[in-house]
């Protein structure tokens, strides 16, 4: 199933790239870059992907640290205190 989704995504990307291959000029700070539009769109996508990966990896590292602290606190408690209460039957 993943292969089918990947194949569809690649096909859509190739169609998009072929439709946006016209040359365009972009002013960046003190220089001007003349390149196909698809390169600028792909570059913006790649930068966004890297920022998203960085943000999510920072979140994962924070959660791992929180889990490590929770596990450490659980080891210092007595076994009776770390057990959840038994459910009450009616």
C-alpha atoms as a PDB file:
ATOM      1  CA  UNK A   1       0.000   0.000   0.000  1.00  0.00           C
ATOM      2  CA  UNK A   2       2.847   2.381   0.793  1.00  0.00           C
ATOM      3  CA  UNK A   3       4.417   1.684  -2.576  1.00  0.00           C
ATOM      4  CA  UNK A   4       1.193   2.638  -4.346  1.00  0.00           C
ATOM      5  CA  UNK A   5       0.912   5.897  -2.383  1.00  0.00           C
ATOM      6  CA  UNK A   6       4.571   6.680  -3.068  1.00  0.00           C
ATOM      7  CA  UNK A   7       4.119   5.959  -6.776  1.00  0.00           C
ATOM      8  CA  UNK A   8       1.076   8.257  -6.934  1.00  0.00           C
ATOM      9  CA  UNK A   9       2.968  11.022  -5.096  1.00  0.00           C
ATOM     10  CA  UNK A  10       5.926  10.721  -7.476  1.00  0.00           C
ATOM     11  CA  UNK A  11       3.603  10.830 -10.495  1.00  0.00           C
ATOM     12  CA  UNK A  12       1.857  13.951  -9.186  1.00  0.00           C
ATOM     13  CA  UNK A  13       5.238  15.546  -8.443  1.00  0.00           C
ATOM     14  CA  UNK A  14       6.522  14.769 -11.927  1.00  0.00           C
ATOM     15  CA  UNK A  15       3.377  16.221 -13.516  1.00  0.00           C
ATOM     16  CA  UNK A  16       3.693  19.322 -11.331  1.00  0.00           C
ATOM     17  CA  UNK A  17       7.355  19.724 -12.251  1.00  0.00           C
ATOM     18  CA  UNK A  18       6.668  19.416 -15.971  1.00  0.00           C
ATOM     19  CA  UNK A  19       3.963  22.114 -15.760  1.00  0.00           C
ATOM     20  CA  UNK A  20       6.172  24.548 -13.793  1.00  0.00           C
ATOM     21  CA  UNK A  21       9.449  24.343 -15.657  1.00  0.00           C
ATOM     22  CA  UNK A  22       9.302  27.921 -16.936  1.00  0.00           C
ATOM     23  CA  UNK A  23      12.163  30.189 -15.982  1.00  0.00           C
ATOM     24  CA  UNK A  24      11.603  32.838 -13.333  1.00  0.00           C
ATOM     25  CA  UNK A  25      13.686  35.464 -11.562  1.00  0.00           C
ATOM     26  CA  UNK A  26      13.807  35.801  -7.773  1.00  0.00           C
ATOM     27  CA  UNK A  27      15.508  38.617  -5.852  1.00  0.00           C
ATOM     28  CA  UNK A  28      17.260  37.203  -2.767  1.00  0.00           C
ATOM     29  CA  UNK A  29      18.885  39.758  -0.470  1.00  0.00           C
ATOM     30  CA  UNK A  30      21.547  41.395  -2.661  1.00  0.00           C
ATOM     31  CA  UNK A  31      21.453  39.041  -5.637  1.00  0.00           C
ATOM     32  CA  UNK A  32      19.089  37.900  -8.365  1.00  0.00           C
ATOM     33  CA  UNK A  33      18.608  34.221  -9.200  1.00  0.00           C
ATOM     34  CA  UNK A  34      17.236  33.088 -12.540  1.00  0.00           C
ATOM     35  CA  UNK A  35      16.103  29.439 -12.481  1.00  0.00           C
ATOM     36  CA  UNK A  36      13.101  27.224 -13.277  1.00  0.00           C
ATOM     37  CA  UNK A  37      10.109  27.788 -11.010  1.00  0.00           C
ATOM     38  CA  UNK A  38      10.056  24.121 -10.005  1.00  0.00           C
ATOM     39  CA  UNK A  39      13.492  24.523  -8.369  1.00  0.00           C
ATOM     40  CA  UNK A  40      12.262  27.389  -6.198  1.00  0.00           C
ATOM     41  CA  UNK A  41       9.139  25.456  -5.203  1.00  0.00           C
ATOM     42  CA  UNK A  42      11.182  22.333  -4.485  1.00  0.00           C
ATOM     43  CA  UNK A  43      13.687  24.351  -2.468  1.00  0.00           C
ATOM     44  CA  UNK A  44      10.934  25.936  -0.393  1.00  0.00           C
ATOM     45  CA  UNK A  45       9.442  22.471   0.180  1.00  0.00           C
ATOM     46  CA  UNK A  46      12.824  21.074   1.257  1.00  0.00           C
ATOM     47  CA  UNK A  47      13.435  23.963   3.673  1.00  0.00           C
ATOM     48  CA  UNK A  48       9.966  23.484   5.166  1.00  0.00           C
ATOM     49  CA  UNK A  49      10.596  19.762   5.489  1.00  0.00           C
ATOM     50  CA  UNK A  50      13.873  20.373   7.330  1.00  0.00           C
ATOM     51  CA  UNK A  51      12.250  22.875   9.701  1.00  0.00           C
ATOM     52  CA  UNK A  52       9.429  20.422  10.406  1.00  0.00           C
ATOM     53  CA  UNK A  53      11.857  17.581  11.059  1.00  0.00           C
ATOM     54  CA  UNK A  54      13.907  19.770  13.384  1.00  0.00           C
ATOM     55  CA  UNK A  55      10.837  20.870  15.339  1.00  0.00           C
ATOM     56  CA  UNK A  56       9.474  17.344  15.663  1.00  0.00           C
ATOM     57  CA  UNK A  57      12.839  15.895  16.672  1.00  0.00           C
ATOM     58  CA  UNK A  58      13.158  18.534  19.397  1.00  0.00           C
ATOM     59  CA  UNK A  59       9.702  17.529  20.661  1.00  0.00           C
ATOM     60  CA  UNK A  60      10.652  13.835  20.608  1.00  0.00           C
ATOM     61  CA  UNK A  61      13.838  14.521  22.577  1.00  0.00           C
ATOM     62  CA  UNK A  62      11.861  16.480  25.184  1.00  0.00           C
ATOM     63  CA  UNK A  63       9.332  13.665  25.531  1.00  0.00           C
ATOM     64  CA  UNK A  64      12.092  11.055  25.887  1.00  0.00           C
ATOM     65  CA  UNK A  65      13.670  13.098  28.660  1.00  0.00           C
ATOM     66  CA  UNK A  66      10.301  13.412  30.396  1.00  0.00           C
ATOM     67  CA  UNK A  67       9.762   9.634  30.090  1.00  0.00           C
ATOM     68  CA  UNK A  68      13.227   8.965  31.512  1.00  0.00           C
ATOM     69  CA  UNK A  69      12.495  11.211  34.494  1.00  0.00           C
ATOM     70  CA  UNK A  70       9.123   9.544  35.067  1.00  0.00           C
ATOM     71  CA  UNK A  71      10.686   6.092  34.987  1.00  0.00           C
ATOM     72  CA  UNK A  72      13.413   7.207  37.383  1.00  0.00           C
ATOM     73  CA  UNK A  73      10.822   8.581  39.820  1.00  0.00           C
ATOM     74  CA  UNK A  74       8.847   5.336  39.530  1.00  0.00           C
ATOM     75  CA  UNK A  75      11.917   3.307  40.569  1.00  0.00           C
ATOM     76  CA  UNK A  76      12.390   5.368  43.731  1.00  0.00           C
ATOM     77  CA  UNK A  77       8.797   4.804  44.901  1.00  0.00           C
ATOM     78  CA  UNK A  78       7.843   1.765  46.915  1.00  0.00           C
ATOM     79  CA  UNK A  79       6.246  -1.075  44.927  1.00  0.00           C
ATOM     80  CA  UNK A  80       2.877  -0.566  46.662  1.00  0.00           C
ATOM     81  CA  UNK A  81       2.842   3.131  45.860  1.00  0.00           C
ATOM     82  CA  UNK A  82       3.598   2.564  42.178  1.00  0.00           C
ATOM     83  CA  UNK A  83       0.665   0.170  41.649  1.00  0.00           C
ATOM     84  CA  UNK A  84      -2.513   1.733  40.283  1.00  0.00           C
ATOM     85  CA  UNK A  85      -5.587   1.264  42.475  1.00  0.00           C
ATOM     86  CA  UNK A  86      -7.726  -1.787  41.728  1.00  0.00           C
ATOM     87  CA  UNK A  87     -11.009  -1.033  39.967  1.00  0.00           C
ATOM     88  CA  UNK A  88     -14.109  -1.108  42.167  1.00  0.00           C
ATOM     89  CA  UNK A  89     -16.723  -3.677  41.270  1.00  0.00           C
ATOM     90  CA  UNK A  90     -20.401  -2.895  41.726  1.00  0.00           C
END
